[in-house]
Each structure stands twice: as C-alpha cells, then as structure tokens.
C-alpha cells in the first residue's frame, strides 16, 4: 500500500501521509519524496486536507530537513494539516517545522482525533 494516498473520513477526502513506524533513514526519505510527488500532482489551490501520521517514526537531521522542505513545498496546496504522533521528539520537530514554514500544524495523539479535526475545517 502506498504511504501517501487519499482516504475518506466524515465525507471528506483527506491526503494521508503515513510514516508510521519508519525508523530507517533511507526508507523515510523515500516516503517523504513520494509524498512530495503526490502533493505536486494536485492543484495548488490551498484546498487539500492532510493528515501526517508519524507514530513510531524516527527522526535524523536529514529526515528533519526533508520534513521541513516538504511542509514548505506543500503550503500552496494545503488548506489544513494535522499530525499524529506518540513521541515528544516528533512534537518538537513538528513545532520547529511550523515555525520554519509559517504553517499551523497541530499534533494529535491519534489518527482519529486528527481526522476529526480536519473534517471540522
């Protein structure tokens, strides 16, 4: 199954960026690049809802840079984005990405909470 794909939730189409349990840097970087290509294939009209699930993921300096670049790249495409994480480190990384990109990127404990928040947008 593709890590970046559309899912339906509450009658809305949401782009899921599924990075759950990625711990090998090369695999994580490939998944982030796949996400970039997927998003680039959409219209840059700030209409997408995105849910990034990073539960169990591991960050290196290269992965953090790739995440920052992806968030900046996605800005013209995304209406609202939410992140799922069970890690304090991921929350720190996402907070840094939000500051760097000027985006609001709330972090939720579960995918369900994140999807529900997005549908309410």
PDB file of N, CA and C in Angstrom:
ATOM      1  N   UNK A   1       0.836  -1.179   0.000  1.00  0.00           N
ATOM      2  CA  UNK A   1       0.000   0.000   0.000  1.00  0.00           C
ATOM      3  C   UNK A   1       0.890   1.255   0.000  1.00  0.00           C
ATOM      4  N   UNK A   2       0.477   2.221  -0.760  1.00  0.00           N
ATOM      5  CA  UNK A   2       1.214   3.480  -0.834  1.00  0.00           C
ATOM      6  C   UNK A   2       1.119   4.213   0.502  1.00  0.00           C
ATOM      7  N   UNK A   3       2.206   4.809   0.910  1.00  0.00           N
ATOM      8  CA  UNK A   3       2.216   5.548   2.174  1.00  0.00           C
ATOM      9  C   UNK A   3       1.499   6.883   2.061  1.00  0.00           C
ATOM     10  N   UNK A   4       1.449   7.464   0.875  1.00  0.00           N
ATOM     11  CA  UNK A   4       0.712   8.710   0.673  1.00  0.00           C
ATOM     12  C   UNK A   4      -0.446   8.411  -0.261  1.00  0.00           C
ATOM     13  N   UNK A   5      -1.656   8.691   0.248  1.00  0.00           N
ATOM     14  CA  UNK A   5      -2.851   8.336  -0.515  1.00  0.00           C
ATOM     15  C   UNK A   5      -4.046   9.127   0.021  1.00  0.00           C
ATOM     16  N   UNK A   6      -5.115   9.132  -0.765  1.00  0.00           N
ATOM     17  CA  UNK A   6      -6.357   9.721  -0.289  1.00  0.00           C
ATOM     18  C   UNK A   6      -7.107   8.716   0.577  1.00  0.00           C
ATOM     19  N   UNK A   7      -7.712   9.219   1.655  1.00  0.00           N
ATOM     20  CA  UNK A   7      -8.626   8.442   2.481  1.00  0.00           C
ATOM     21  C   UNK A   7      -9.906   9.258   2.628  1.00  0.00           C
ATOM     22  N   UNK A   8     -10.998   8.588   2.910  1.00  0.00           N
ATOM     23  CA  UNK A   8     -12.270   9.260   3.165  1.00  0.00           C
ATOM     24  C   UNK A   8     -12.534   9.260   4.661  1.00  0.00           C
ATOM     25  N   UNK A   9     -12.990  10.394   5.167  1.00  0.00           N
ATOM     26  CA  UNK A   9     -13.351  10.479   6.587  1.00  0.00           C
ATOM     27  C   UNK A   9     -14.412  11.563   6.732  1.00  0.00           C
ATOM     28  N   UNK A  10     -15.537  11.200   7.312  1.00  0.00           N
ATOM     29  CA  UNK A  10     -16.598  12.181   7.543  1.00  0.00           C
ATOM     30  C   UNK A  10     -17.064  12.864   6.277  1.00  0.00           C
ATOM     31  N   UNK A  11     -17.038  12.144   5.166  1.00  0.00           N
ATOM     32  CA  UNK A  11     -17.473  12.716   3.896  1.00  0.00           C
ATOM     33  C   UNK A  11     -16.443  13.592   3.211  1.00  0.00           C
ATOM     34  N   UNK A  12     -15.241  13.660   3.755  1.00  0.00           N
ATOM     35  CA  UNK A  12     -14.171  14.486   3.182  1.00  0.00           C
ATOM     36  C   UNK A  12     -13.054  13.605   2.643  1.00  0.00           C
ATOM     37  N   UNK A  13     -12.429  14.060   1.596  1.00  0.00           N
ATOM     38  CA  UNK A  13     -11.240  13.397   1.066  1.00  0.00           C
ATOM     39  C   UNK A  13     -10.015  14.046   1.702  1.00  0.00           C
ATOM     40  N   UNK A  14      -9.196  13.220   2.338  1.00  0.00           N
ATOM     41  CA  UNK A  14      -8.021  13.710   3.062  1.00  0.00           C
ATOM     42  C   UNK A  14      -6.796  12.978   2.550  1.00  0.00           C
ATOM     43  N   UNK A  15      -5.706  13.713   2.362  1.00  0.00           N
ATOM     44  CA  UNK A  15      -4.443  13.088   1.971  1.00  0.00           C
ATOM     45  C   UNK A  15      -3.786  12.563   3.245  1.00  0.00           C
ATOM     46  N   UNK A  16      -3.553  11.254   3.277  1.00  0.00           N
ATOM     47  CA  UNK A  16      -2.862  10.628   4.399  1.00  0.00           C
ATOM     48  C   UNK A  16      -1.405  10.433   4.025  1.00  0.00           C
ATOM     49  N   UNK A  17      -0.516  10.999   4.829  1.00  0.00           N
ATOM     50  CA  UNK A  17       0.922  10.781   4.699  1.00  0.00           C
ATOM     51  C   UNK A  17       1.292   9.842   5.839  1.00  0.00           C
ATOM     52  N   UNK A  18       1.386   8.566   5.534  1.00  0.00           N
ATOM     53  CA  UNK A  18       1.528   7.524   6.547  1.00  0.00           C
ATOM     54  C   UNK A  18       2.998   7.161   6.732  1.00  0.00           C
ATOM     55  N   UNK A  19       3.604   7.734   7.762  1.00  0.00           N
ATOM     56  CA  UNK A  19       5.008   7.469   8.072  1.00  0.00           C
ATOM     57  C   UNK A  19       5.143   6.620   9.333  1.00  0.00           C
ATOM     58  N   UNK A  20       4.075   5.925   9.702  1.00  0.00           N
ATOM     59  CA  UNK A  20       4.097   5.136  10.927  1.00  0.00           C
ATOM     60  C   UNK A  20       5.222   4.113  10.908  1.00  0.00           C
ATOM     61  N   UNK A  21       5.916   4.049  12.039  1.00  0.00           N
ATOM     62  CA  UNK A  21       6.961   3.061  12.296  1.00  0.00           C
ATOM     63  C   UNK A  21       8.135   3.101  11.318  1.00  0.00           C
ATOM     64  N   UNK A  22       8.350   4.210  10.642  1.00  0.00           N
ATOM     65  CA  UNK A  22       9.539   4.338   9.793  1.00  0.00           C
ATOM     66  C   UNK A  22      10.730   4.680  10.679  1.00  0.00           C
ATOM     67  N   UNK A  23      11.731   3.813  10.678  1.00  0.00           N
ATOM     68  CA  UNK A  23      12.896   4.031  11.537  1.00  0.00           C
ATOM     69  C   UNK A  23      14.210   4.029  10.763  1.00  0.00           C
ATOM     70  N   UNK A  24      14.189   3.634   9.497  1.00  0.00           N
ATOM     71  CA  UNK A  24      15.392   3.618   8.662  1.00  0.00           C
ATOM     72  C   UNK A  24      15.389   4.893   7.820  1.00  0.00           C
ATOM     73  N   UNK A  25      16.451   5.679   7.952  1.00  0.00           N
ATOM     74  CA  UNK A  25      16.510   6.982   7.294  1.00  0.00           C
ATOM     75  C   UNK A  25      16.200   6.907   5.796  1.00  0.00           C
ATOM     76  N   UNK A  26      16.797   5.995   5.078  1.00  0.00           N
ATOM     77  CA  UNK A  26      16.597   5.916   3.625  1.00  0.00           C
ATOM     78  C   UNK A  26      15.134   5.644   3.281  1.00  0.00           C
ATOM     79  N   UNK A  27      14.479   4.780   4.034  1.00  0.00           N
ATOM     80  CA  UNK A  27      13.062   4.479   3.787  1.00  0.00           C
ATOM     81  C   UNK A  27      12.197   5.705   4.072  1.00  0.00           C
ATOM     82  N   UNK A  28      12.526   6.407   5.133  1.00  0.00           N
ATOM     83  CA  UNK A  28      11.773   7.604   5.492  1.00  0.00           C
ATOM     84  C   UNK A  28      11.928   8.669   4.414  1.00  0.00           C
ATOM     85  N   UNK A  29      13.145   8.871   3.940  1.00  0.00           N
ATOM     86  CA  UNK A  29      13.378   9.868   2.888  1.00  0.00           C
ATOM     87  C   UNK A  29      12.640   9.499   1.604  1.00  0.00           C
ATOM     88  N   UNK A  30      12.586   8.209   1.280  1.00  0.00           N
ATOM     89  CA  UNK A  30      11.819   7.768   0.093  1.00  0.00           C
ATOM     90  C   UNK A  30      10.331   8.057   0.277  1.00  0.00           C
ATOM     91  N   UNK A  31       9.799   7.794   1.467  1.00  0.00           N
ATOM     92  CA  UNK A  31       8.386   8.052   1.734  1.00  0.00           C
ATOM     93  C   UNK A  31       8.078   9.550   1.643  1.00  0.00           C
ATOM     94  N   UNK A  32       8.965  10.385   2.153  1.00  0.00           N
ATOM     95  CA  UNK A  32       8.770  11.838   2.080  1.00  0.00           C
ATOM     96  C   UNK A  32       8.802  12.301   0.629  1.00  0.00           C
ATOM     97  N   UNK A  33       9.703  11.762  -0.165  1.00  0.00           N
ATOM     98  CA  UNK A  33       9.764  12.127  -1.589  1.00  0.00           C
ATOM     99  C   UNK A  33       8.495  11.678  -2.316  1.00  0.00           C
ATOM    100  N   UNK A  34       7.992  10.506  -1.986  1.00  0.00           N
ATOM    101  CA  UNK A  34       6.737  10.045  -2.589  1.00  0.00           C
ATOM    102  C   UNK A  34       5.612  11.027  -2.245  1.00  0.00           C
ATOM    103  N   UNK A  35       5.579  11.493  -1.000  1.00  0.00           N
ATOM    104  CA  UNK A  35       4.570  12.463  -0.589  1.00  0.00           C
ATOM    105  C   UNK A  35       4.697  13.756  -1.382  1.00  0.00           C
ATOM    106  N   UNK A  36       5.922  14.222  -1.558  1.00  0.00           N
ATOM    107  CA  UNK A  36       6.135  15.462  -2.320  1.00  0.00           C
ATOM    108  C   UNK A  36       5.591  15.323  -3.738  1.00  0.00           C
ATOM    109  N   UNK A  37       5.890  14.191  -4.382  1.00  0.00           N
ATOM    110  CA  UNK A  37       5.406  13.966  -5.752  1.00  0.00           C
ATOM    111  C   UNK A  37       3.879  13.873  -5.787  1.00  0.00           C
ATOM    112  N   UNK A  38       3.291  13.193  -4.810  1.00  0.00           N
ATOM    113  CA  UNK A  38       1.842  13.046  -4.752  1.00  0.00           C
ATOM    114  C   UNK A  38       1.178  14.419  -4.635  1.00  0.00           C
ATOM    115  N   UNK A  39       1.652  15.216  -3.696  1.00  0.00           N
ATOM    116  CA  UNK A  39       1.075  16.551  -3.480  1.00  0.00           C
ATOM    117  C   UNK A  39       1.287  17.421  -4.720  1.00  0.00           C
ATOM    118  N   UNK A  40       2.460  17.345  -5.319  1.00  0.00           N
ATOM    119  CA  UNK A  40       2.750  18.155  -6.518  1.00  0.00           C
ATOM    120  C   UNK A  40       1.819  17.805  -7.673  1.00  0.00           C
ATOM    121  N   UNK A  41       1.256  16.628  -7.653  1.00  0.00           N
ATOM    122  CA  UNK A  41       0.320  16.216  -8.693  1.00  0.00           C
ATOM    123  C   UNK A  41      -1.093  16.744  -8.490  1.00  0.00           C
ATOM    124  N   UNK A  42      -1.318  17.479  -7.414  1.00  0.00           N
ATOM    125  CA  UNK A  42      -2.638  18.055  -7.117  1.00  0.00           C
ATOM    126  C   UNK A  42      -2.646  19.529  -7.516  1.00  0.00           C
ATOM    127  N   UNK A  43      -3.809  20.154  -7.415  1.00  0.00           N
ATOM    128  CA  UNK A  43      -3.905  21.584  -7.729  1.00  0.00           C
ATOM    129  C   UNK A  43      -3.390  22.416  -6.557  1.00  0.00           C
ATOM    130  N   UNK A  44      -2.619  23.438  -6.871  1.00  0.00           N
ATOM    131  CA  UNK A  44      -2.050  24.319  -5.842  1.00  0.00           C
ATOM    132  C   UNK A  44      -3.048  25.421  -5.507  1.00  0.00           C
ATOM    133  N   UNK A  45      -4.210  25.001  -4.984  1.00  0.00           N
ATOM    134  CA  UNK A  45      -5.272  25.961  -4.696  1.00  0.00           C
ATOM    135  C   UNK A  45      -5.657  25.988  -3.219  1.00  0.00           C
ATOM    136  N   UNK A  46      -4.746  25.561  -2.370  1.00  0.00           N
ATOM    137  CA  UNK A  46      -4.959  25.575  -0.916  1.00  0.00           C
ATOM    138  C   UNK A  46      -6.269  24.905  -0.525  1.00  0.00           C
ATOM    139  N   UNK A  47      -6.550  23.742  -1.137  1.00  0.00           N
ATOM    140  CA  UNK A  47      -7.810  23.051  -0.847  1.00  0.00           C
ATOM    141  C   UNK A  47      -7.626  21.696  -0.161  1.00  0.00           C
ATOM    142  N   UNK A  48      -6.403  21.185  -0.112  1.00  0.00           N
ATOM    143  CA  UNK A  48      -6.191  19.857   0.445  1.00  0.00           C
ATOM    144  C   UNK A  48      -6.216  19.863   1.969  1.00  0.00           C
ATOM    145  N   UNK A  49      -6.731  18.775   2.503  1.00  0.00           N
ATOM    146  CA  UNK A  49      -6.612  18.486   3.927  1.00  0.00           C
ATOM    147  C   UNK A  49      -5.595  17.362   4.030  1.00  0.00           C
ATOM    148  N   UNK A  50      -4.605  17.507   4.924  1.00  0.00           N
ATOM    149  CA  UNK A  50      -3.576  16.473   5.052  1.00  0.00           C
ATOM    150  C   UNK A  50      -3.464  15.999   6.489  1.00  0.00           C
ATOM    151  N   UNK A  51      -3.265  14.696   6.609  1.00  0.00           N
ATOM    152  CA  UNK A  51      -3.030  14.078   7.910  1.00  0.00           C
ATOM    153  C   UNK A  51      -1.713  13.323   7.819  1.00  0.00           C
ATOM    154  N   UNK A  52      -0.734  13.755   8.582  1.00  0.00           N
ATOM    155  CA  UNK A  52       0.570  13.105   8.610  1.00  0.00           C
ATOM    156  C   UNK A  52       0.668  12.275   9.882  1.00  0.00           C
ATOM    157  N   UNK A  53       0.732  10.950   9.702  1.00  0.00           N
ATOM    158  CA  UNK A  53       0.825  10.058  10.859  1.00  0.00           C
ATOM    159  C   UNK A  53       2.274   9.616  11.017  1.00  0.00           C
ATOM    160  N   UNK A  54       2.934  10.152  12.044  1.00  0.00           N
ATOM    161  CA  UNK A  54       4.339   9.855  12.304  1.00  0.00           C
ATOM    162  C   UNK A  54       4.505   9.002  13.566  1.00  0.00           C
ATOM    163  N   UNK A  55       3.477   8.277  13.932  1.00  0.00           N
ATOM    164  CA  UNK A  55       3.536   7.428  15.128  1.00  0.00           C
ATOM    165  C   UNK A  55       4.636   6.384  14.971  1.00  0.00           C
ATOM    166  N   UNK A  56       5.537   6.343  15.927  1.00  0.00           N
ATOM    167  CA  UNK A  56       6.609   5.364  15.901  1.00  0.00           C
ATOM    168  C   UNK A  56       7.740   5.679  14.941  1.00  0.00           C
ATOM    169  N   UNK A  57       7.707   6.842  14.311  1.00  0.00           N
ATOM    170  CA  UNK A  57       8.754   7.222  13.360  1.00  0.00           C
ATOM    171  C   UNK A  57       9.987   7.736  14.099  1.00  0.00           C
ATOM    172  N   UNK A  58      11.138   7.624  13.442  1.00  0.00           N
ATOM    173  CA  UNK A  58      12.410   8.080  13.996  1.00  0.00           C
ATOM    174  C   UNK A  58      12.945   9.205  13.125  1.00  0.00           C
ATOM    175  N   UNK A  59      13.459  10.262  13.753  1.00  0.00           N
ATOM    176  CA  UNK A  59      13.966  11.418  13.026  1.00  0.00           C
ATOM    177  C   UNK A  59      15.481  11.515  13.134  1.00  0.00           C
ATOM    178  N   UNK A  60      16.099  11.774  11.990  1.00  0.00           N
ATOM    179  CA  UNK A  60      17.513  12.135  11.938  1.00  0.00           C
ATOM    180  C   UNK A  60      17.564  13.583  11.458  1.00  0.00           C
ATOM    181  N   UNK A  61      18.732  14.159  11.435  1.00  0.00           N
ATOM    182  CA  UNK A  61      18.866  15.529  10.932  1.00  0.00           C
ATOM    183  C   UNK A  61      18.418  15.615   9.474  1.00  0.00           C
ATOM    184  N   UNK A  62      18.791  14.629   8.658  1.00  0.00           N
ATOM    185  CA  UNK A  62      18.372  14.630   7.238  1.00  0.00           C
ATOM    186  C   UNK A  62      16.865  14.494   7.102  1.00  0.00           C
ATOM    187  N   UNK A  63      16.257  13.656   7.922  1.00  0.00           N
ATOM    188  CA  UNK A  63      14.803  13.490   7.869  1.00  0.00           C
ATOM    189  C   UNK A  63      14.126  14.790   8.286  1.00  0.00           C
ATOM    190  N   UNK A  64      14.627  15.437   9.325  1.00  0.00           N
ATOM    191  CA  UNK A  64      14.030  16.699   9.760  1.00  0.00           C
ATOM    192  C   UNK A  64      14.106  17.750   8.655  1.00  0.00           C
ATOM    193  N   UNK A  65      15.230  17.837   7.976  1.00  0.00           N
ATOM    194  CA  UNK A  65      15.357  18.782   6.856  1.00  0.00           C
ATOM    195  C   UNK A  65      14.370  18.445   5.742  1.00  0.00           C
ATOM    196  N   UNK A  66      14.195  17.161   5.461  1.00  0.00           N
ATOM    197  CA  UNK A  66      13.261  16.728   4.423  1.00  0.00           C
ATOM    198  C   UNK A  66      11.821  17.053   4.812  1.00  0.00           C
ATOM    199  N   UNK A  67      11.490  16.896   6.085  1.00  0.00           N
ATOM    200  CA  UNK A  67      10.149  17.223   6.568  1.00  0.00           C
ATOM    201  C   UNK A  67       9.903  18.725   6.443  1.00  0.00           C
ATOM    202  N   UNK A  68      10.886  19.539   6.808  1.00  0.00           N
ATOM    203  CA  UNK A  68      10.747  20.991   6.665  1.00  0.00           C
ATOM    204  C   UNK A  68      10.540  21.377   5.201  1.00  0.00           C
ATOM    205  N   UNK A  69      11.320  20.781   4.311  1.00  0.00           N
ATOM    206  CA  UNK A  69      11.190  21.083   2.881  1.00  0.00           C
ATOM    207  C   UNK A  69       9.825  20.645   2.357  1.00  0.00           C
ATOM    208  N   UNK A  70       9.347  19.495   2.809  1.00  0.00           N
ATOM    209  CA  UNK A  70       8.037  19.011   2.372  1.00  0.00           C
ATOM    210  C   UNK A  70       6.931  19.946   2.847  1.00  0.00           C
ATOM    211  N   UNK A  71       6.970  20.352   4.098  1.00  0.00           N
ATOM    212  CA  UNK A  71       5.942  21.253   4.626  1.00  0.00           C
ATOM    213  C   UNK A  71       5.940  22.581   3.876  1.00  0.00           C
ATOM    214  N   UNK A  72       7.106  23.111   3.561  1.00  0.00           N
ATOM    215  CA  UNK A  72       7.192  24.356   2.799  1.00  0.00           C
ATOM    216  C   UNK A  72       6.648  24.150   1.382  1.00  0.00           C
ATOM    217  N   UNK A  73       7.019  23.030   0.763  1.00  0.00           N
ATOM    218  CA  UNK A  73       6.537  22.707  -0.586  1.00  0.00           C
ATOM    219  C   UNK A  73       5.016  22.603  -0.618  1.00  0.00           C
ATOM    220  N   UNK A  74       4.437  21.995   0.410  1.00  0.00           N
ATOM    221  CA  UNK A  74       3.004  21.714   0.425  1.00  0.00           C
ATOM    222  C   UNK A  74       2.135  22.931   0.721  1.00  0.00           C
ATOM    223  N   UNK A  75       2.713  23.989   1.247  1.00  0.00           N
ATOM    224  CA  UNK A  75       1.938  25.144   1.708  1.00  0.00           C
ATOM    225  C   UNK A  75       0.921  25.651   0.681  1.00  0.00           C
ATOM    226  N   UNK A  76       1.254  25.808  -0.601  1.00  0.00           N
ATOM    227  CA  UNK A  76       0.259  26.328  -1.542  1.00  0.00           C
ATOM    228  C   UNK A  76      -0.871  25.344  -1.861  1.00  0.00           C
ATOM    229  N   UNK A  77      -0.705  24.102  -1.503  1.00  0.00           N
ATOM    230  CA  UNK A  77      -1.680  23.065  -1.825  1.00  0.00           C
ATOM    231  C   UNK A  77      -2.662  22.807  -0.689  1.00  0.00           C
ATOM    232  N   UNK A  78      -2.267  23.143   0.541  1.00  0.00           N
ATOM    233  CA  UNK A  78      -2.962  22.644   1.730  1.00  0.00           C
ATOM    234  C   UNK A  78      -3.802  23.722   2.414  1.00  0.00           C
ATOM    235  N   UNK A  79      -5.060  23.364   2.663  1.00  0.00           N
ATOM    236  CA  UNK A  79      -5.968  24.216   3.444  1.00  0.00           C
ATOM    237  C   UNK A  79      -5.684  24.040   4.935  1.00  0.00           C
ATOM    238  N   UNK A  80      -5.550  22.785   5.366  1.00  0.00           N
ATOM    239  CA  UNK A  80      -5.272  22.491   6.772  1.00  0.00           C
ATOM    240  C   UNK A  80      -4.544  21.160   6.863  1.00  0.00           C
ATOM    241  N   UNK A  81      -3.611  21.097   7.803  1.00  0.00           N
ATOM    242  CA  UNK A  81      -2.865  19.866   8.018  1.00  0.00           C
ATOM    243  C   UNK A  81      -2.806  19.538   9.492  1.00  0.00           C
ATOM    244  N   UNK A  82      -2.812  18.252   9.786  1.00  0.00           N
ATOM    245  CA  UNK A  82      -2.707  17.782  11.165  1.00  0.00           C
ATOM    246  C   UNK A  82      -1.677  16.658  11.204  1.00  0.00           C
ATOM    247  N   UNK A  83      -1.038  16.502  12.351  1.00  0.00           N
ATOM    248  CA  UNK A  83      -0.030  15.464  12.534  1.00  0.00           C
ATOM    249  C   UNK A  83      -0.444  14.565  13.694  1.00  0.00           C
ATOM    250  N   UNK A  84      -0.107  13.290  13.557  1.00  0.00           N
ATOM    251  CA  UNK A  84      -0.348  12.310  14.616  1.00  0.00           C
ATOM    252  C   UNK A  84       1.009  11.847  15.116  1.00  0.00           C
ATOM    253  N   UNK A  85       1.179  11.866  16.435  1.00  0.00           N
ATOM    254  CA  UNK A  85       2.441  11.395  16.995  1.00  0.00           C
ATOM    255  C   UNK A  85       2.253  10.946  18.429  1.00  0.00           C
ATOM    256  N   UNK A  86       3.006   9.936  18.775  1.00  0.00           N
ATOM    257  CA  UNK A  86       3.027   9.455  20.153  1.00  0.00           C
ATOM    258  C   UNK A  86       4.393   9.741  20.778  1.00  0.00           C
ATOM    259  N   UNK A  87       5.143  10.654  20.159  1.00  0.00           N
ATOM    260  CA  UNK A  87       6.513  10.924  20.585  1.00  0.00           C
ATOM    261  C   UNK A  87       6.716  12.402  20.911  1.00  0.00           C
ATOM    262  N   UNK A  88       7.375  12.639  22.023  1.00  0.00           N
ATOM    263  CA  UNK A  88       7.733  14.006  22.413  1.00  0.00           C
ATOM    264  C   UNK A  88       8.687  14.615  21.379  1.00  0.00           C
ATOM    265  N   UNK A  89       9.615  13.813  20.864  1.00  0.00           N
ATOM    266  CA  UNK A  89      10.571  14.310  19.869  1.00  0.00           C
ATOM    267  C   UNK A  89       9.856  14.744  18.596  1.00  0.00           C
ATOM    268  N   UNK A  90       8.890  13.965  18.152  1.00  0.00           N
ATOM    269  CA  UNK A  90       8.142  14.337  16.943  1.00  0.00           C
ATOM    270  C   UNK A  90       7.415  15.650  17.165  1.00  0.00           C
ATOM    271  N   UNK A  91       6.860  15.830  18.335  1.00  0.00           N
ATOM    272  CA  UNK A  91       6.171  17.092  18.632  1.00  0.00           C
ATOM    273  C   UNK A  91       7.130  18.277  18.554  1.00  0.00           C
ATOM    274  N   UNK A  92       8.354  18.097  19.004  1.00  0.00           N
ATOM    275  CA  UNK A  92       9.373  19.146  18.917  1.00  0.00           C
ATOM    276  C   UNK A  92       9.707  19.424  17.452  1.00  0.00           C
ATOM    277  N   UNK A  93       9.880  18.358  16.670  1.00  0.00           N
ATOM    278  CA  UNK A  93      10.196  18.504  15.246  1.00  0.00           C
ATOM    279  C   UNK A  93       9.065  19.253  14.535  1.00  0.00           C
ATOM    280  N   UNK A  94       7.832  18.863  14.788  1.00  0.00           N
ATOM    281  CA  UNK A  94       6.696  19.500  14.117  1.00  0.00           C
ATOM    282  C   UNK A  94       6.570  20.964  14.540  1.00  0.00           C
ATOM    283  N   UNK A  95       6.814  21.260  15.787  1.00  0.00           N
ATOM    284  CA  UNK A  95       6.780  22.658  16.237  1.00  0.00           C
ATOM    285  C   UNK A  95       7.830  23.481  15.491  1.00  0.00           C
ATOM    286  N   UNK A  96       9.009  22.920  15.304  1.00  0.00           N
ATOM    287  CA  UNK A  96      10.066  23.617  14.555  1.00  0.00           C
ATOM    288  C   UNK A  96       9.665  23.798  13.099  1.00  0.00           C
ATOM    289  N   UNK A  97       9.067  22.780  12.513  1.00  0.00           N
ATOM    290  CA  UNK A  97       8.618  22.862  11.115  1.00  0.00           C
ATOM    291  C   UNK A  97       7.548  23.942  10.974  1.00  0.00           C
ATOM    292  N   UNK A  98       6.634  24.012  11.926  1.00  0.00           N
ATOM    293  CA  UNK A  98       5.574  25.022  11.872  1.00  0.00           C
ATOM    294  C   UNK A  98       6.163  26.427  11.919  1.00  0.00           C
ATOM    295  N   UNK A  99       7.139  26.640  12.775  1.00  0.00           N
ATOM    296  CA  UNK A  99       7.793  27.957  12.857  1.00  0.00           C
ATOM    297  C   UNK A  99       8.510  28.264  11.549  1.00  0.00           C
ATOM    298  N   UNK A 100       9.258  27.299  11.028  1.00  0.00           N
ATOM    299  CA  UNK A 100      10.035  27.472   9.806  1.00  0.00           C
ATOM    300  C   UNK A 100       9.148  27.793   8.605  1.00  0.00           C
ATOM    301  N   UNK A 101       7.996  27.125   8.510  1.00  0.00           N
ATOM    302  CA  UNK A 101       7.141  27.272   7.328  1.00  0.00           C
ATOM    303  C   UNK A 101       6.020  28.282   7.502  1.00  0.00           C
ATOM    304  N   UNK A 102       5.777  28.723   8.732  1.00  0.00           N
ATOM    305  CA  UNK A 102       4.669  29.634   8.964  1.00  0.00           C
ATOM    306  C   UNK A 102       3.315  28.949   8.880  1.00  0.00           C
ATOM    307  N   UNK A 103       3.313  27.632   9.026  1.00  0.00           N
ATOM    308  CA  UNK A 103       2.064  26.877   8.962  1.00  0.00           C
ATOM    309  C   UNK A 103       1.595  26.510  10.361  1.00  0.00           C
ATOM    310  N   UNK A 104       0.292  26.345  10.509  1.00  0.00           N
ATOM    311  CA  UNK A 104      -0.287  25.818  11.739  1.00  0.00           C
ATOM    312  C   UNK A 104      -0.347  24.307  11.585  1.00  0.00           C
ATOM    313  N   UNK A 105       0.334  23.580  12.458  1.00  0.00           N
ATOM    314  CA  UNK A 105       0.411  22.123  12.356  1.00  0.00           C
ATOM    315  C   UNK A 105       0.126  21.491  13.718  1.00  0.00           C
ATOM    316  N   UNK A 106      -1.160  21.384  14.071  1.00  0.00           N
ATOM    317  CA  UNK A 106      -1.470  20.781  15.364  1.00  0.00           C
ATOM    318  C   UNK A 106      -1.090  19.298  15.391  1.00  0.00           C
ATOM    319  N   UNK A 107      -0.728  18.825  16.577  1.00  0.00           N
ATOM    320  CA  UNK A 107      -0.336  17.418  16.750  1.00  0.00           C
ATOM    321  C   UNK A 107      -1.364  16.746  17.643  1.00  0.00           C
ATOM    322  N   UNK A 108      -1.820  15.579  17.217  1.00  0.00           N
ATOM    323  CA  UNK A 108      -2.830  14.820  17.948  1.00  0.00           C
ATOM    324  C   UNK A 108      -2.262  13.472  18.368  1.00  0.00           C
ATOM    325  N   UNK A 109      -2.851  12.894  19.397  1.00  0.00           N
ATOM    326  CA  UNK A 109      -2.392  11.606  19.918  1.00  0.00           C
ATOM    327  C   UNK A 109      -2.834  10.439  19.042  1.00  0.00           C
ATOM    328  N   UNK A 110      -3.969  10.591  18.334  1.00  0.00           N
ATOM    329  CA  UNK A 110      -4.473   9.501  17.492  1.00  0.00           C
ATOM    330  C   UNK A 110      -4.842  10.010  16.106  1.00  0.00           C
ATOM    331  N   UNK A 111      -4.847   9.092  15.164  1.00  0.00           N
ATOM    332  CA  UNK A 111      -5.243   9.433  13.794  1.00  0.00           C
ATOM    333  C   UNK A 111      -6.704   9.861  13.771  1.00  0.00           C
ATOM    334  N   UNK A 112      -7.547   9.195  14.536  1.00  0.00           N
ATOM    335  CA  UNK A 112      -8.972   9.531  14.596  1.00  0.00           C
ATOM    336  C   UNK A 112      -9.169  10.991  15.014  1.00  0.00           C
ATOM    337  N   UNK A 113      -8.453  11.430  16.050  1.00  0.00           N
ATOM    338  CA  UNK A 113      -8.563  12.819  16.508  1.00  0.00           C
ATOM    339  C   UNK A 113      -8.123  13.786  15.414  1.00  0.00           C
ATOM    340  N   UNK A 114      -7.037  13.469  14.740  1.00  0.00           N
ATOM    341  CA  UNK A 114      -6.538  14.340  13.674  1.00  0.00           C
ATOM    342  C   UNK A 114      -7.534  14.426  12.522  1.00  0.00           C
ATOM    343  N   UNK A 115      -8.074  13.281  12.105  1.00  0.00           N
ATOM    344  CA  UNK A 115      -9.039  13.261  11.003  1.00  0.00           C
ATOM    345  C   UNK A 115     -10.302  14.017  11.380  1.00  0.00           C
ATOM    346  N   UNK A 116     -10.775  13.835  12.608  1.00  0.00           N
ATOM    347  CA  UNK A 116     -11.969  14.562  13.057  1.00  0.00           C
ATOM    348  C   UNK A 116     -11.721  16.061  13.037  1.00  0.00           C
ATOM    349  N   UNK A 117     -10.539  16.490  13.487  1.00  0.00           N
ATOM    350  CA  UNK A 117     -10.198  17.919  13.472  1.00  0.00           C
ATOM    351  C   UNK A 117     -10.182  18.457  12.048  1.00  0.00           C
ATOM    352  N   UNK A 118      -9.612  17.706  11.139  1.00  0.00           N
ATOM    353  CA  UNK A 118      -9.545  18.150   9.739  1.00  0.00           C
ATOM    354  C   UNK A 118     -10.928  18.290   9.123  1.00  0.00           C
ATOM    355  N   UNK A 119     -11.810  17.334   9.378  1.00  0.00           N
ATOM    356  CA  UNK A 119     -13.161  17.382   8.811  1.00  0.00           C
ATOM    357  C   UNK A 119     -13.908  18.613   9.304  1.00  0.00           C
ATOM    358  N   UNK A 120     -13.611  19.061  10.503  1.00  0.00           N
ATOM    359  CA  UNK A 120     -14.267  20.246  11.059  1.00  0.00           C
ATOM    360  C   UNK A 120     -13.781  21.548  10.421  1.00  0.00           C
ATOM    361  N   UNK A 121     -12.738  21.489   9.608  1.00  0.00           N
ATOM    362  CA  UNK A 121     -12.201  22.696   8.979  1.00  0.00           C
ATOM    363  C   UNK A 121     -13.143  23.087   7.899  1.00  0.00           C
TER     364      UNK A 121
END
